[in-house]
């Protein structure tokens, strides 16, 4: 049979498969690629798909009587076309094994030419390949029906295939493969949903337990059936099982069934008393202290509030003076956790990093305190440790910190006993950590440990609420109440604010002092750098040149890496380097010659 004649009466999907097989250089009279996975390799492959295989065994057992009666075998393959499981008539299975239609064989179209399994994989839809429609002559005693198998999220998992002798294959079997695939998908999805439901319940329990607001569940008689830590602290450990009489600031939300009968209730403490208590006890800022009408700040506050109820690490990025520690304190205050311990990572000498962070035993080294020291992590046990300026930490210190974050234990200097710690980590930096990782100055594994939730704070020059913020800071912090004149506000808005909110507050306090209770005029606004905001074309060019120079410095002149950091092409980067007259160092020149 010639290639052209074989396609004349074939279904379109089979004809396309023949065309692909021909283009791959396969010849119908040749032996197919019969490499079979056996022994340990097939066992490992089946184990990787154990859940799918187990469900297939259950579904195939229901089809077995009919499949066996008509001398067929039903197969399960993975997404690559390797057969994982088979069930059916033993005589046909023996005949099929002669062309390697058996467990461990791969029936992808690239190996076996046109066949139902291969077509279903390529087309991602049911396929029927009858007798002579098979590409290889040796397979033409078969007729096979296949259907793709999908998971809950729509991901392709493999293929269900029913094969038999061509002269005995019943047309109805073509519907069995999609039916079996649907049954298998349903079982697989139900299992996944049950797992997800269990995980969701556990997740909700973990989140609610750490939620800063008191949360209670009540039965139909309003007796307490569950309470998180905040509720137990407020109402006492003996509240479980007791009738609930809502104290002030509690909201009770009834949960009704389909007949509108109250089934259960949830009680939520809506008072911000916890944050106030934390502020009073530890002198920390809360979300109420964070002012902002700028959309970027409002989004940051919303994300930070969500982060407060999560145990994940938080990485706060932004320029110096944008309020990173204020956000860290607010997240902690709303978290319901214990102590808040702040550490300035750039201020700890490299030789003292272990003793500062992990503590030391008495007499551990010369100059140590006689009674020893618990260290920052043990001091923060049950609470939050704030690692400020994490980007300035030495590589040696980063390795020590990573070990603690991985193992959740600390070993004080001079001790052989590791101590378990429960510490929530919030880190902050003004540096571009991905660029630092690229440059080899920051460990990639530590970076990914820290960036559980990333929170970026905008620079003051990027905020749209500078005028409102200036008025708020004056009212809250100025010793002498004062008003800003429109001209003074304009002068503030033209400034670049390299020191961000910290600089703005200092300028406003000085201006209020100089105005002596009168309206603040432009001459009262004393700025260290009179430069205006960088929104002119010339300023943008300076900013672009600076960004290119910093990228080249961070990558040690590697043009390809610098282009990736800047999100531009290499040719574009070369053109800009030439246009700005930037000199490339020796390493960069070498790198260019290699590219």
Protein backbone atom coordinates (compact mmCIF):
# COMPACT_ATOMS: atom_id res chain seq x y z
CA UNK A 1 0.00 0.00 0.00
CA UNK A 2 1.56 3.32 -1.02
CA UNK A 3 1.67 6.31 1.29
CA UNK A 4 -0.84 8.25 -0.83
CA UNK A 5 -3.32 5.35 -1.21
CA UNK A 6 -3.29 4.62 2.53
CA UNK A 7 -4.63 8.09 3.26
CA UNK A 8 -7.50 8.11 0.78
CA UNK A 9 -10.24 6.73 3.05
CA UNK A 10 -8.75 7.49 6.49
CA UNK A 11 -10.38 9.78 9.06
CA UNK A 12 -8.68 13.23 9.12
CA UNK A 13 -6.83 12.64 12.41
CA UNK A 14 -5.46 9.32 11.15
CA UNK A 15 -4.41 10.89 7.85
CA UNK A 16 -2.53 13.62 9.70
CA UNK A 17 -0.84 10.99 11.85
CA UNK A 18 0.30 9.09 8.73
CA UNK A 19 1.70 12.34 7.36
CA UNK A 20 3.60 13.01 10.60
CA UNK A 21 4.91 9.43 10.68
CA UNK A 22 6.10 9.73 7.09
CA UNK A 23 7.80 13.06 7.79
CA UNK A 24 9.60 11.46 10.75
CA UNK A 25 11.24 9.05 8.35
CA UNK A 26 9.35 5.96 9.54
CA UNK A 27 8.77 3.18 6.98
CA UNK A 28 5.60 1.01 7.24
CA UNK A 29 7.45 -2.25 6.55
CA UNK A 30 10.10 -1.63 9.20
CA UNK A 31 10.04 -3.00 12.72
CA UNK A 32 8.77 -0.42 15.23
CA UNK A 33 10.98 1.01 17.96
CA UNK A 34 10.41 -1.65 20.63
CA UNK A 35 12.42 -0.35 23.56
CA UNK A 36 10.68 -1.56 26.74
CA UNK A 37 11.14 -0.34 30.30
CA UNK A 38 11.48 -3.26 32.70
CA UNK A 39 12.56 -4.06 36.23
CA UNK A 40 13.33 -1.19 38.59
CA UNK A 41 12.66 1.51 35.98
CA UNK A 42 9.05 0.45 35.29
CA UNK A 43 8.45 -0.02 39.03
CA UNK A 44 9.66 3.53 39.70
CA UNK A 45 7.50 4.89 36.87
CA UNK A 46 4.39 3.10 38.16
CA UNK A 47 5.11 4.30 41.70
CA UNK A 48 5.24 7.89 40.43
CA UNK A 49 1.72 7.39 39.05
CA UNK A 50 0.54 5.15 41.92
CA UNK A 51 -2.69 7.04 42.62
CA UNK A 52 -3.67 7.00 38.94
CA UNK A 53 -2.84 3.29 38.59
CA UNK A 54 -4.83 2.40 41.73
CA UNK A 55 -7.92 4.16 40.37
CA UNK A 56 -7.42 2.51 36.98
CA UNK A 57 -7.43 -0.93 38.64
CA UNK A 58 -10.84 -0.16 40.18
CA UNK A 59 -12.35 1.18 36.95
CA UNK A 60 -10.85 -1.56 34.76
CA UNK A 61 -12.20 -4.27 37.10
CA UNK A 62 -15.72 -3.11 36.19
CA UNK A 63 -14.95 -3.36 32.47
CA UNK A 64 -13.06 -6.64 32.76
CA UNK A 65 -15.98 -9.09 32.17
CA UNK A 66 -17.04 -7.41 28.92
CA UNK A 67 -13.48 -6.71 27.73
CA UNK A 68 -12.43 -10.32 28.37
CA UNK A 69 -15.55 -11.77 26.72
CA UNK A 70 -14.71 -10.07 23.42
CA UNK A 71 -11.01 -10.86 23.60
CA UNK A 72 -9.75 -7.33 24.26
CA UNK A 73 -7.35 -5.61 26.68
CA UNK A 74 -7.70 -2.16 28.23
CA UNK A 75 -4.49 -0.17 28.84
CA UNK A 76 -3.48 2.90 30.87
CA UNK A 77 -0.52 5.01 29.67
CA UNK A 78 1.25 8.05 31.07
CA UNK A 79 1.34 11.36 29.18
CA UNK A 80 4.37 10.18 27.17
CA UNK A 81 2.60 7.03 25.95
CA UNK A 82 4.32 4.45 28.19
CA UNK A 83 1.90 1.68 29.26
CA UNK A 84 1.53 1.55 33.06
CA UNK A 85 -1.27 -0.97 33.53
CA UNK A 86 -3.25 -3.52 31.48
CA UNK A 87 -6.28 -5.76 32.10
CA UNK A 88 -8.27 -8.13 29.89
CA UNK A 89 -8.13 -11.30 27.82
CA UNK A 90 -4.94 -13.31 28.43
CA UNK A 91 -4.86 -14.87 24.93
CA UNK A 92 -5.05 -11.51 23.19
CA UNK A 93 -2.53 -10.05 25.66
CA UNK A 94 -0.09 -12.79 24.60
CA UNK A 95 -0.67 -11.99 20.89
CA UNK A 96 -0.34 -8.23 21.58
CA UNK A 97 2.95 -8.75 23.42
CA UNK A 98 4.47 -9.95 20.11
CA UNK A 99 4.29 -6.33 18.90
CA UNK A 100 5.21 -5.02 22.39
CA UNK A 101 1.67 -3.86 23.26
CA UNK A 102 2.34 -4.46 26.95
CA UNK A 103 3.30 -2.78 30.22
CA UNK A 104 6.60 -0.91 29.89
CA UNK A 105 6.31 -0.30 26.13
CA UNK A 106 6.00 3.21 24.72
CA UNK A 107 3.36 3.75 22.02
CA UNK A 108 4.04 7.38 21.23
CA UNK A 109 3.52 8.18 17.56
CA UNK A 110 7.22 8.97 17.10
CA UNK A 111 8.05 5.34 18.00
CA UNK A 112 5.06 3.31 16.80
CA UNK A 113 3.77 5.41 13.92
CA UNK A 114 0.01 5.86 13.58
CA UNK A 115 -1.83 4.11 16.44
CA UNK A 116 -4.73 5.10 18.69
CA UNK A 117 -2.58 5.90 21.74
CA UNK A 118 -0.23 8.08 19.68
CA UNK A 119 -3.07 9.91 17.91
CA UNK A 120 -4.87 10.60 21.22
CA UNK A 121 -1.65 12.06 22.66
CA UNK A 122 -1.00 14.27 19.60
CA UNK A 123 -4.60 15.40 19.03
CA UNK A 124 -5.72 15.39 22.71
CA UNK A 125 -9.06 13.81 21.77
CA UNK A 126 -10.54 10.31 21.36
CA UNK A 127 -9.10 8.29 18.48
CA UNK A 128 -10.06 5.07 16.66
CA UNK A 129 -7.44 3.35 14.48
CA UNK A 130 -8.67 0.26 12.60
CA UNK A 131 -6.58 -2.53 11.12
CA UNK A 132 -4.78 -1.22 8.04
CA UNK A 133 -4.98 2.37 9.32
CA UNK A 134 -2.01 1.52 11.55
CA UNK A 135 1.19 2.88 10.02
CA UNK A 136 3.34 -0.18 10.67
CA UNK A 137 2.29 -3.34 8.85
CA UNK A 138 3.04 -5.50 11.89
CA UNK A 139 0.32 -3.69 13.90
CA UNK A 140 -2.49 -4.03 11.35
CA UNK A 141 -4.05 -7.06 13.02
CA UNK A 142 -5.17 -4.59 15.73
CA UNK A 143 -8.06 -2.19 16.09
CA UNK A 144 -7.68 0.25 18.98
CA UNK A 145 -9.81 2.98 20.58
CA UNK A 146 -8.20 5.60 22.85
CA UNK A 147 -9.24 8.62 24.87
CA UNK A 148 -7.10 11.26 26.61
CA UNK A 149 -7.22 11.47 30.40
CA UNK A 150 -7.25 14.82 32.22
CA UNK A 151 -6.79 15.91 35.84
CA UNK A 152 -8.92 18.28 37.92
CA UNK A 153 -7.11 21.38 36.70
CA UNK A 154 -7.22 20.29 33.06
CA UNK A 155 -3.67 18.93 32.91
CA UNK A 156 -3.10 16.01 30.52
CA UNK A 157 -2.33 12.82 32.51
CA UNK A 158 -2.28 10.01 29.96
CA UNK A 159 -4.45 7.80 27.74
CA UNK A 160 -7.02 5.01 28.16
CA UNK A 161 -6.79 2.50 25.26
CA UNK A 162 -8.86 -0.57 24.36
CA UNK A 163 -7.28 -2.94 21.83
CA UNK A 164 -8.44 -6.14 20.18
CA UNK A 165 -8.16 -8.23 17.03
CA UNK A 166 -9.40 -6.27 14.04
CA UNK A 167 -11.90 -8.90 12.90
CA UNK A 168 -13.46 -9.25 16.40
CA UNK A 169 -13.45 -5.59 17.53
CA UNK A 170 -16.99 -4.34 18.20
CA UNK A 171 -17.81 -0.72 17.18
CA UNK A 172 -19.34 -0.10 20.61
CA UNK A 173 -15.85 -0.45 22.12
CA UNK A 174 -14.99 2.91 20.58
CA UNK A 175 -17.29 4.45 23.21
CA UNK A 176 -15.81 2.41 26.07
CA UNK A 177 -12.46 4.26 26.07
CA UNK A 178 -13.98 7.76 26.62
CA UNK A 179 -16.38 6.26 29.19
CA UNK A 180 -13.52 4.62 31.10
CA UNK A 181 -11.52 7.86 30.90
CA UNK A 182 -14.47 9.81 32.33
CA UNK A 183 -14.96 7.32 35.18
CA UNK A 184 -11.25 7.43 35.97
CA UNK A 185 -11.17 11.23 35.83
CA UNK A 186 -14.14 11.43 38.18
CA UNK A 187 -12.47 9.16 40.73
CA UNK A 188 -9.22 11.05 40.42
CA UNK A 189 -10.97 14.41 40.82
CA UNK A 190 -12.98 13.22 43.84
CA UNK A 191 -9.77 12.07 45.52
CA UNK A 192 -8.09 15.39 44.77
CA UNK A 193 -11.12 17.31 46.05
CA UNK A 194 -11.13 15.28 49.26
CA UNK A 195 -7.43 15.99 49.73
CA UNK A 196 -7.96 19.67 48.98
CA UNK A 197 -10.88 19.82 51.39
CA UNK A 198 -8.77 18.28 54.14
CA UNK A 199 -5.83 20.57 53.36
CA UNK A 200 -8.17 23.58 53.22
CA UNK A 201 -9.64 22.69 56.61
CA UNK A 202 -6.16 22.31 58.10
CA UNK A 203 -5.08 25.55 56.45
CA UNK A 204 -8.11 27.36 57.84
CA UNK A 205 -7.43 25.92 61.29
CA UNK A 206 -3.79 27.05 61.15
CA UNK A 207 -4.66 30.52 59.87
CA UNK A 208 -7.56 31.05 62.27
CA UNK A 209 -5.43 29.90 65.19
CA UNK A 210 -2.90 32.63 64.44
CA UNK A 211 -5.47 35.24 63.42
CA UNK A 212 -5.14 38.40 65.54
CA UNK A 213 -8.91 38.74 66.00
CA UNK A 214 -10.77 36.44 68.43
CA UNK A 215 -12.64 33.78 66.43
CA UNK A 216 -15.24 31.34 67.82
CA UNK A 217 -17.49 28.64 66.37
CA UNK A 218 -20.86 28.08 68.06
CA UNK A 219 -23.41 25.28 67.80
CA UNK A 220 -27.14 25.80 67.25
CA UNK A 221 -27.55 26.48 71.00
CA UNK A 222 -24.72 29.06 70.90
CA UNK A 223 -22.33 26.96 72.89
CA UNK A 224 -18.65 27.41 72.04
CA UNK A 225 -17.35 24.50 69.95
CA UNK A 226 -14.03 26.03 68.90
CA UNK A 227 -11.82 29.03 69.63
CA UNK A 228 -8.52 30.36 68.33
CA UNK A 229 -5.65 31.57 70.54
CA UNK A 230 -6.81 35.18 70.58
CA UNK A 231 -10.28 34.13 71.74
CA UNK A 232 -8.89 31.83 74.45
CA UNK A 233 -6.70 34.65 75.77
CA UNK A 234 -9.69 36.97 75.88
CA UNK A 235 -12.37 34.59 77.20
CA UNK A 236 -10.30 32.05 79.12
CA UNK A 237 -9.38 28.42 78.46
CA UNK A 238 -12.67 27.21 80.03
CA UNK A 239 -14.90 28.92 77.42
CA UNK A 240 -15.15 25.74 75.31
CA UNK A 241 -18.50 24.04 75.81
CA UNK A 242 -19.92 27.07 77.61
CA UNK A 243 -22.89 29.15 76.46
CA UNK A 244 -21.66 32.25 74.61
CA UNK A 245 -22.90 35.65 75.69
CA UNK A 246 -21.35 38.14 73.25
CA UNK A 247 -19.19 40.78 74.98
CA UNK A 248 -18.88 44.23 73.37
CA UNK A 249 -17.26 44.41 69.92
CA UNK A 250 -18.21 40.83 69.02
CA UNK A 251 -20.19 40.07 65.87
CA UNK A 252 -22.15 36.79 65.65
CA UNK A 253 -22.76 35.52 62.10
CA UNK A 254 -25.35 32.72 61.79
CA UNK A 255 -24.78 29.88 59.32
CA UNK A 256 -28.07 28.52 57.93
CA UNK A 257 -28.94 25.34 56.06
CA UNK A 258 -31.12 25.10 52.96
CA UNK A 259 -34.31 25.42 55.08
CA UNK A 260 -32.97 28.67 56.62
CA UNK A 261 -32.64 26.95 60.00
CA UNK A 262 -29.66 28.21 61.97
CA UNK A 263 -27.18 25.38 61.87
CA UNK A 264 -24.16 26.97 63.51
CA UNK A 265 -22.68 30.39 64.14
CA UNK A 266 -19.34 32.13 63.95
CA UNK A 267 -18.39 34.84 66.43
CA UNK A 268 -15.71 37.38 65.49
CA UNK A 269 -14.15 39.89 67.83
CA UNK A 270 -14.11 43.13 65.84
CA UNK A 271 -12.38 45.31 68.43
CA UNK A 272 -8.84 46.49 67.62
CA UNK A 273 -8.00 45.91 71.28
CA UNK A 274 -5.23 43.44 70.46
CA UNK A 275 -3.29 45.95 68.36
CA UNK A 276 -3.75 48.59 71.03
CA UNK A 277 -2.51 46.18 73.70
CA UNK A 278 0.56 45.34 71.66
CA UNK A 279 1.23 49.04 71.12
CA UNK A 280 0.93 49.72 74.85
CA UNK A 281 3.01 46.71 75.92
CA UNK A 282 5.79 46.86 73.34
CA UNK A 283 5.55 50.43 72.01
CA UNK A 284 5.10 49.21 68.43
CA UNK A 285 3.41 50.85 65.48
CA UNK A 286 0.14 49.41 64.13
CA UNK A 287 -1.65 49.74 60.81
CA UNK A 288 -3.56 52.71 62.23
CA UNK A 289 -0.23 54.57 62.32
CA UNK A 290 0.42 54.07 58.61
CA UNK A 291 -0.98 57.04 56.71
CA UNK A 292 -1.48 57.03 52.99
CA UNK A 293 -3.99 57.80 50.27
CA UNK A 294 -1.71 56.72 47.43
CA UNK A 295 -3.03 53.54 45.71
CA UNK A 296 0.41 51.90 46.02
CA UNK A 297 0.42 52.42 49.82
CA UNK A 298 -3.17 51.26 50.16
CA UNK A 299 -2.32 48.07 48.25
CA UNK A 300 0.76 47.55 50.43
CA UNK A 301 -1.35 47.93 53.61
CA UNK A 302 -3.94 45.47 52.32
CA UNK A 303 -1.26 42.89 51.50
CA UNK A 304 0.47 43.49 54.85
CA UNK A 305 -2.81 42.90 56.74
CA UNK A 306 -3.24 39.59 54.94
CA UNK A 307 0.39 38.71 55.67
CA UNK A 308 -0.21 39.30 59.39
CA UNK A 309 -2.44 36.23 59.55
CA UNK A 310 0.05 34.01 57.73
CA UNK A 311 3.10 32.19 59.13
CA UNK A 312 5.04 32.82 55.91
CA UNK A 313 8.21 34.91 55.92
CA UNK A 314 7.77 38.49 54.69
CA UNK A 315 10.34 40.42 52.63
CA UNK A 316 9.82 44.20 52.62
CA UNK A 317 11.69 46.10 49.91
CA UNK A 318 12.03 49.81 49.27
CA UNK A 319 14.46 52.69 49.56
CA UNK A 320 15.75 53.86 52.93
CA UNK A 321 13.19 55.95 54.77
CA UNK A 322 10.07 54.52 53.10
CA UNK A 323 8.74 52.96 56.33
CA UNK A 324 9.87 49.35 56.15
CA UNK A 325 10.21 48.90 59.93
CA UNK A 326 6.88 50.64 60.49
CA UNK A 327 5.22 48.04 58.25
CA UNK A 328 7.13 45.22 59.98
CA UNK A 329 5.92 46.36 63.40
CA UNK A 330 2.33 46.72 62.15
CA UNK A 331 2.36 43.20 60.68
CA UNK A 332 3.64 41.82 63.97
CA UNK A 333 1.16 43.83 66.07
CA UNK A 334 -1.72 42.36 64.05
CA UNK A 335 -0.33 38.81 64.10
CA UNK A 336 -1.13 37.92 67.70
CA UNK A 337 2.40 36.58 68.21
CA UNK A 338 4.74 37.15 71.17
CA UNK A 339 7.78 39.45 71.32
CA UNK A 340 9.10 41.62 68.48
CA UNK A 341 12.89 41.68 68.15
CA UNK A 342 14.58 43.95 65.58
CA UNK A 343 18.09 43.26 64.28
CA UNK A 344 20.14 45.63 62.11
CA UNK A 345 22.04 43.09 60.02
CA UNK A 346 24.48 45.68 58.65
CA UNK A 347 25.58 46.68 62.17
CA UNK A 348 26.63 43.22 63.42
CA UNK A 349 30.36 42.46 62.98
CA UNK A 350 30.96 39.34 60.92
CA UNK A 351 32.88 37.72 63.79
CA UNK A 352 29.98 38.12 66.21
CA UNK A 353 27.10 37.07 64.00
CA UNK A 354 26.52 33.64 65.61
CA UNK A 355 26.74 34.94 69.18
CA UNK A 356 24.42 37.89 68.42
CA UNK A 357 21.77 35.87 66.62
CA UNK A 358 21.99 32.50 68.36
CA UNK A 359 23.40 33.42 71.77
CA UNK A 360 26.30 31.92 73.72
CA UNK A 361 27.01 29.98 76.89
CA UNK A 362 28.83 31.57 79.82
CA UNK A 363 32.56 31.74 79.25
CA UNK A 364 32.17 30.85 75.58
CA UNK A 365 34.77 33.42 74.50
CA UNK A 366 36.85 36.27 75.86
CA UNK A 367 34.70 39.30 76.63
CA UNK A 368 31.47 37.33 76.85
CA UNK A 369 29.01 38.12 79.63
CA UNK A 370 29.44 35.84 82.62
CA UNK A 371 25.86 34.61 82.50
CA UNK A 372 25.86 34.12 78.72
CA UNK A 373 23.27 35.51 76.30
CA UNK A 374 20.16 33.93 74.73
CA UNK A 375 20.67 35.65 71.35
CA UNK A 376 18.12 37.38 69.15
CA UNK A 377 16.34 34.26 67.89
CA UNK A 378 15.66 32.82 71.33
CA UNK A 379 14.62 36.29 72.53
CA UNK A 380 12.07 36.32 69.67
CA UNK A 381 10.85 32.76 70.33
CA UNK A 382 7.09 32.61 69.88
CA UNK A 383 7.16 36.03 68.21
CA UNK A 384 8.73 37.86 65.30
CA UNK A 385 12.33 38.66 64.38
CA UNK A 386 12.81 41.66 62.10
CA UNK A 387 16.00 41.41 60.05
CA UNK A 388 16.58 44.94 58.79
CA UNK A 389 19.08 45.63 55.99
CA UNK A 390 19.29 41.90 55.23
CA UNK A 391 20.96 42.74 51.91
CA UNK A 392 24.05 44.02 53.75
CA UNK A 393 24.67 40.72 55.52
CA UNK A 394 27.95 38.97 54.71
CA UNK A 395 27.89 35.62 52.90
CA UNK A 396 29.18 33.92 56.05
CA UNK A 397 26.33 35.37 58.09
CA UNK A 398 23.84 34.42 55.37
CA UNK A 399 24.93 30.78 55.58
CA UNK A 400 24.44 30.77 59.37
CA UNK A 401 21.01 32.37 59.04
CA UNK A 402 19.91 29.93 56.32
CA UNK A 403 20.77 26.99 58.55
CA UNK A 404 18.48 28.28 61.30
CA UNK A 405 15.61 29.01 58.91
CA UNK A 406 15.86 25.47 57.48
CA UNK A 407 16.25 23.57 60.73
CA UNK A 408 14.22 25.87 63.03
CA UNK A 409 16.81 25.30 65.75
CA UNK A 410 19.68 27.38 67.16
CA UNK A 411 22.83 26.19 68.85
CA UNK A 412 24.38 28.83 71.14
CA UNK A 413 28.11 29.40 70.81
CA UNK A 414 29.91 27.14 73.28
CA UNK A 415 27.01 24.69 73.48
CA UNK A 416 26.39 21.35 71.78
CA UNK A 417 22.64 21.41 72.47
CA UNK A 418 20.32 22.65 69.70
CA UNK A 419 17.25 24.55 70.86
CA UNK A 420 13.96 24.58 68.98
CA UNK A 421 12.64 28.03 68.02
CA UNK A 422 9.27 29.21 66.71
CA UNK A 423 10.06 32.53 65.06
CA UNK A 424 8.25 34.36 62.29
CA UNK A 425 10.78 36.16 60.06
CA UNK A 426 10.25 39.59 58.54
CA UNK A 427 13.21 40.91 56.53
CA UNK A 428 13.77 44.28 54.89
CA UNK A 429 16.27 45.72 52.45
CA UNK A 430 16.83 48.73 50.22
CA UNK A 431 18.87 46.63 47.83
CA UNK A 432 17.76 44.81 44.68
CA UNK A 433 18.18 41.27 45.98
CA UNK A 434 17.70 39.49 42.60
CA UNK A 435 20.57 41.64 41.26
CA UNK A 436 22.61 40.84 44.36
CA UNK A 437 21.97 37.13 43.78
CA UNK A 438 23.07 37.49 40.15
CA UNK A 439 26.24 39.26 41.29
CA UNK A 440 27.00 36.50 43.81
CA UNK A 441 26.69 38.79 46.83
CA UNK A 442 23.50 37.20 48.18
CA UNK A 443 22.64 33.51 48.45
CA UNK A 444 19.84 32.44 46.14
CA UNK A 445 18.62 29.76 48.60
CA UNK A 446 18.34 32.34 51.41
CA UNK A 447 16.57 34.79 49.10
CA UNK A 448 13.89 32.24 48.25
CA UNK A 449 13.52 31.35 51.95
CA UNK A 450 12.85 35.00 52.79
CA UNK A 451 10.49 35.96 49.96
CA UNK A 452 7.44 34.03 51.13
CA UNK A 453 5.40 37.25 50.82
CA UNK A 454 7.09 40.20 49.11
CA UNK A 455 5.95 43.71 50.00
CA UNK A 456 7.36 46.68 48.06
CA UNK A 457 7.05 50.19 49.45
CA UNK A 458 7.15 53.03 46.90
CA UNK A 459 9.66 55.87 47.16
CA UNK A 460 8.20 59.19 48.28
CA UNK A 461 8.77 60.74 44.82
CA UNK A 462 6.60 57.95 43.36
CA UNK A 463 3.66 58.58 45.71
CA UNK A 464 0.62 60.56 44.60
CA UNK A 465 -0.32 61.73 48.11
CA UNK A 466 2.74 63.77 49.08
CA UNK A 467 0.66 66.93 49.79
CA UNK A 468 -1.74 65.06 52.06
CA UNK A 469 1.11 63.17 53.73
CA UNK A 470 2.97 66.41 54.48
CA UNK A 471 -0.11 67.84 56.18
CA UNK A 472 -0.62 64.65 58.19
CA UNK A 473 3.00 64.59 59.39
CA UNK A 474 2.82 68.27 60.40
CA UNK A 475 -0.32 67.72 62.46
CA UNK A 476 1.06 64.60 64.13
CA UNK A 477 4.73 65.41 64.74
CA UNK A 478 5.39 69.15 64.60
CA UNK A 479 6.03 70.76 67.99
CA UNK A 480 4.26 73.93 66.84
CA UNK A 481 1.10 73.40 64.76
CA UNK A 482 1.50 75.04 61.37
CA UNK A 483 -0.01 75.19 57.89
CA UNK A 484 1.85 74.81 54.61
CA UNK A 485 1.38 77.55 52.03
CA UNK A 486 0.64 76.46 48.44
CA UNK A 487 4.08 77.73 47.41
CA UNK A 488 5.78 75.68 50.14
CA UNK A 489 3.82 72.61 49.07
CA UNK A 490 4.90 73.16 45.47
CA UNK A 491 8.52 73.35 46.61
CA UNK A 492 8.12 70.06 48.49
CA UNK A 493 6.57 68.40 45.45
CA UNK A 494 9.48 69.43 43.21
CA UNK A 495 12.09 67.82 45.47
CA UNK A 496 13.51 64.35 44.71
CA UNK A 497 13.43 63.16 48.37
CA UNK A 498 16.41 60.81 48.46
CA UNK A 499 15.73 60.30 52.17
CA UNK A 500 12.01 59.64 51.56
CA UNK A 501 9.56 60.01 54.49
CA UNK A 502 12.35 60.26 57.06
CA UNK A 503 13.76 63.28 55.20
CA UNK A 504 10.30 64.81 54.71
CA UNK A 505 9.55 64.61 58.44
CA UNK A 506 12.86 66.28 59.34
CA UNK A 507 12.26 69.07 56.80
CA UNK A 508 8.71 69.67 58.08
CA UNK A 509 9.79 69.77 61.73
CA UNK A 510 12.47 72.34 60.91
CA UNK A 511 10.05 74.37 58.77
CA UNK A 512 7.49 74.40 61.60
CA UNK A 513 10.16 75.61 64.00
CA UNK A 514 11.27 78.39 61.62
CA UNK A 515 7.70 79.52 60.91
CA UNK A 516 7.06 80.01 64.67
CA UNK A 517 3.38 79.20 64.42
CA UNK A 518 2.76 81.15 61.23
CA UNK A 519 2.05 79.72 57.77
CA UNK A 520 5.06 77.84 56.43
CA UNK A 521 6.52 79.72 53.44
CA UNK A 522 8.99 78.43 50.83
CA UNK A 523 11.89 80.11 52.64
CA UNK A 524 11.13 78.00 55.73
CA UNK A 525 11.56 74.78 53.73
CA UNK A 526 15.28 74.00 53.97
CA UNK A 527 16.35 71.25 51.57
CA UNK A 528 19.83 69.70 51.52
CA UNK A 529 19.56 68.96 47.80
CA UNK A 530 17.60 71.59 45.86
CA UNK A 531 17.32 69.24 42.85
CA UNK A 532 13.88 68.85 41.35
CA UNK A 533 11.99 65.65 40.71
CA UNK A 534 13.40 63.54 37.93
CA UNK A 535 10.51 63.74 35.50
CA UNK A 536 12.17 65.81 32.74
CA UNK A 537 13.69 64.17 29.62
CA UNK A 538 17.23 65.04 30.66
CA UNK A 539 16.64 63.58 34.12
CA UNK A 540 15.21 60.40 32.63
CA UNK A 541 18.33 60.03 30.48
CA UNK A 542 20.52 60.40 33.57
CA UNK A 543 18.42 57.80 35.34
CA UNK A 544 18.70 55.38 32.41
CA UNK A 545 22.47 55.83 32.18
CA UNK A 546 22.77 55.23 35.93
CA UNK A 547 20.65 52.06 35.67
CA UNK A 548 22.87 50.73 32.86
CA UNK A 549 26.06 51.49 34.78
CA UNK A 550 24.69 49.79 37.92
CA UNK A 551 23.65 46.71 35.91
CA UNK A 552 27.09 46.45 34.34
CA UNK A 553 28.70 46.83 37.75
CA UNK A 554 26.42 44.21 39.33
CA UNK A 555 27.19 41.70 36.55
CA UNK A 556 30.89 42.57 36.37
CA UNK A 557 30.50 43.75 32.81
CA UNK A 558 28.67 40.67 31.50
CA UNK A 559 26.54 42.13 28.69
CA UNK A 560 24.07 39.23 28.50
CA UNK A 561 23.39 39.23 32.25
CA UNK A 562 23.14 43.04 32.35
CA UNK A 563 20.63 43.01 29.48
CA UNK A 564 18.50 40.44 31.34
CA UNK A 565 18.57 42.57 34.50
CA UNK A 566 17.43 45.61 32.49
CA UNK A 567 14.83 43.57 30.54
CA UNK A 568 16.21 44.72 27.18
CA UNK A 569 17.99 42.96 24.31
CA UNK A 570 21.78 42.79 24.03
CA UNK A 571 21.84 44.83 20.81
CA UNK A 572 19.74 47.52 22.47
CA UNK A 573 22.10 47.56 25.43
CA UNK A 574 25.16 47.88 23.16
CA UNK A 575 23.50 50.79 21.34
CA UNK A 576 22.71 52.59 24.59
CA UNK A 577 26.22 51.99 25.96
CA UNK A 578 27.65 53.57 22.81
CA UNK A 579 25.14 56.44 22.88
CA UNK A 580 25.95 57.31 26.49
CA UNK A 581 29.69 56.89 25.99
CA UNK A 582 29.92 54.30 28.77
CA UNK A 583 33.34 52.65 28.89
CA UNK A 584 33.32 48.87 29.07
CA UNK A 585 35.96 47.24 31.27
CA UNK A 586 38.29 44.46 30.19
CA UNK A 587 35.92 41.74 31.44
CA UNK A 588 33.03 43.21 29.47
CA UNK A 589 35.14 43.43 26.33
CA UNK A 590 36.08 39.78 26.77
CA UNK A 591 32.43 38.91 27.30
CA UNK A 592 31.50 40.74 24.12
CA UNK A 593 34.04 38.86 22.10
CA UNK A 594 32.61 35.55 23.36
CA UNK A 595 29.00 36.39 22.48
